[in-house]
Amino acid sequence: MSLEVLRNPRLRVIGLKQTTKAVERGQARTVYLAGDADERLVRDLVSKCRERGIELVRVESMAALGKACGIDVGAAAAALVRSE
């Protein structure tokens, strides 16, 4: 799946906290994790995704994930969410 879908603000959330909330609420379809994000910080999110059967996609770096989302800073995580 192309990272281009992360450009649409209505279809995604950005950041570790917002992504975790989307997973907990059952809104996340796919979660993207930066390869250079601190493993201790993303461990809980990875576990929740696996428990719920949510697809995990690794992205090269926080900078690459932030750029894919159309922001000027890095992001440890982002998620595609179900459109309502």
Protein backbone atom coordinates (compact mmCIF):
# COMPACT_ATOMS: atom_id res chain seq x y z
CA MET A 1 0.00 0.00 0.00
CA SER A 2 1.31 3.40 -0.97
CA LEU A 3 2.05 5.99 1.70
CA GLU A 4 0.22 8.53 -0.49
CA VAL A 5 -3.06 7.71 1.31
CA LEU A 6 -1.63 9.33 4.46
CA ARG A 7 -1.85 12.77 2.83
CA ASN A 8 -5.63 12.93 3.30
CA PRO A 9 -6.32 14.44 6.75
CA ARG A 10 -9.83 12.94 6.87
CA LEU A 11 -8.45 9.42 6.55
CA ARG A 12 -5.54 9.48 8.99
CA VAL A 13 -4.28 10.37 12.43
CA ILE A 14 -0.67 11.25 13.18
CA GLY A 15 1.41 10.70 16.30
CA LEU A 16 1.81 7.96 18.84
CA LYS A 17 -0.95 9.11 21.20
CA GLN A 18 -3.54 9.74 18.49
CA THR A 19 -2.72 6.47 16.75
CA THR A 20 -3.03 4.53 20.01
CA LYS A 21 -6.42 6.16 20.68
CA ALA A 22 -7.62 5.24 17.18
CA VAL A 23 -6.58 1.61 17.75
CA GLU A 24 -8.29 1.48 21.15
CA ARG A 25 -11.51 2.95 19.69
CA GLY A 26 -11.54 0.45 16.83
CA GLN A 27 -11.09 3.19 14.23
CA ALA A 28 -7.66 2.23 12.86
CA ARG A 29 -7.45 0.09 9.71
CA THR A 30 -3.69 0.19 9.17
CA VAL A 31 -0.95 1.49 11.47
CA TYR A 32 2.34 2.85 10.15
CA LEU A 33 5.39 2.78 12.43
CA ALA A 34 8.69 4.56 11.86
CA GLY A 35 11.64 2.19 11.81
CA ASP A 36 13.73 4.52 13.95
CA ALA A 37 11.06 5.17 16.61
CA ASP A 38 12.07 4.21 20.15
CA GLU A 39 10.96 0.59 20.60
CA ARG A 40 10.03 1.21 24.24
CA LEU A 41 7.57 3.89 23.15
CA VAL A 42 5.85 1.89 20.41
CA ARG A 43 5.82 -1.51 22.16
CA ASP A 44 2.33 -1.02 23.64
CA LEU A 45 0.91 0.17 20.32
CA VAL A 46 2.37 -2.82 18.47
CA SER A 47 0.87 -5.17 21.06
CA LYS A 48 -2.58 -3.57 20.75
CA CYS A 49 -2.46 -3.81 16.96
CA ARG A 50 -1.54 -7.49 17.07
CA GLU A 51 -4.32 -8.23 19.58
CA ARG A 52 -6.87 -6.55 17.32
CA GLY A 53 -5.53 -7.90 14.02
CA ILE A 54 -4.61 -4.46 12.67
CA GLU A 55 -2.07 -4.40 9.86
CA LEU A 56 1.31 -2.93 10.83
CA VAL A 57 3.46 -1.29 8.18
CA ARG A 58 7.05 -0.28 8.92
CA VAL A 59 8.29 2.94 7.34
CA GLU A 60 11.98 3.73 6.95
CA SER A 61 12.17 6.63 9.40
CA MET A 62 10.24 9.18 11.42
CA ALA A 63 11.20 11.83 8.87
CA ALA A 64 9.85 9.71 5.99
CA LEU A 65 6.60 9.03 7.84
CA GLY A 66 6.13 12.72 8.67
CA LYS A 67 6.78 13.64 5.05
CA ALA A 68 4.29 11.01 3.84
CA CYS A 69 1.70 12.60 6.13
CA GLY A 70 2.44 16.05 4.73
CA ILE A 71 3.97 17.50 7.90
CA ASP A 72 7.36 19.15 8.37
CA VAL A 73 8.39 17.11 11.41
CA GLY A 74 8.94 13.43 12.02
CA ALA A 75 6.24 11.08 13.27
CA ALA A 76 6.71 7.84 15.20
CA ALA A 77 3.30 6.50 14.16
CA ALA A 78 0.30 7.23 12.00
CA ALA A 79 -2.86 5.33 11.15
CA LEU A 80 -5.41 5.10 8.40
CA VAL A 81 -8.81 5.33 10.01
CA ARG A 82 -12.22 4.21 8.88
CA SER A 83 -14.11 6.97 7.12
CA GLU A 84 -17.47 7.66 8.75
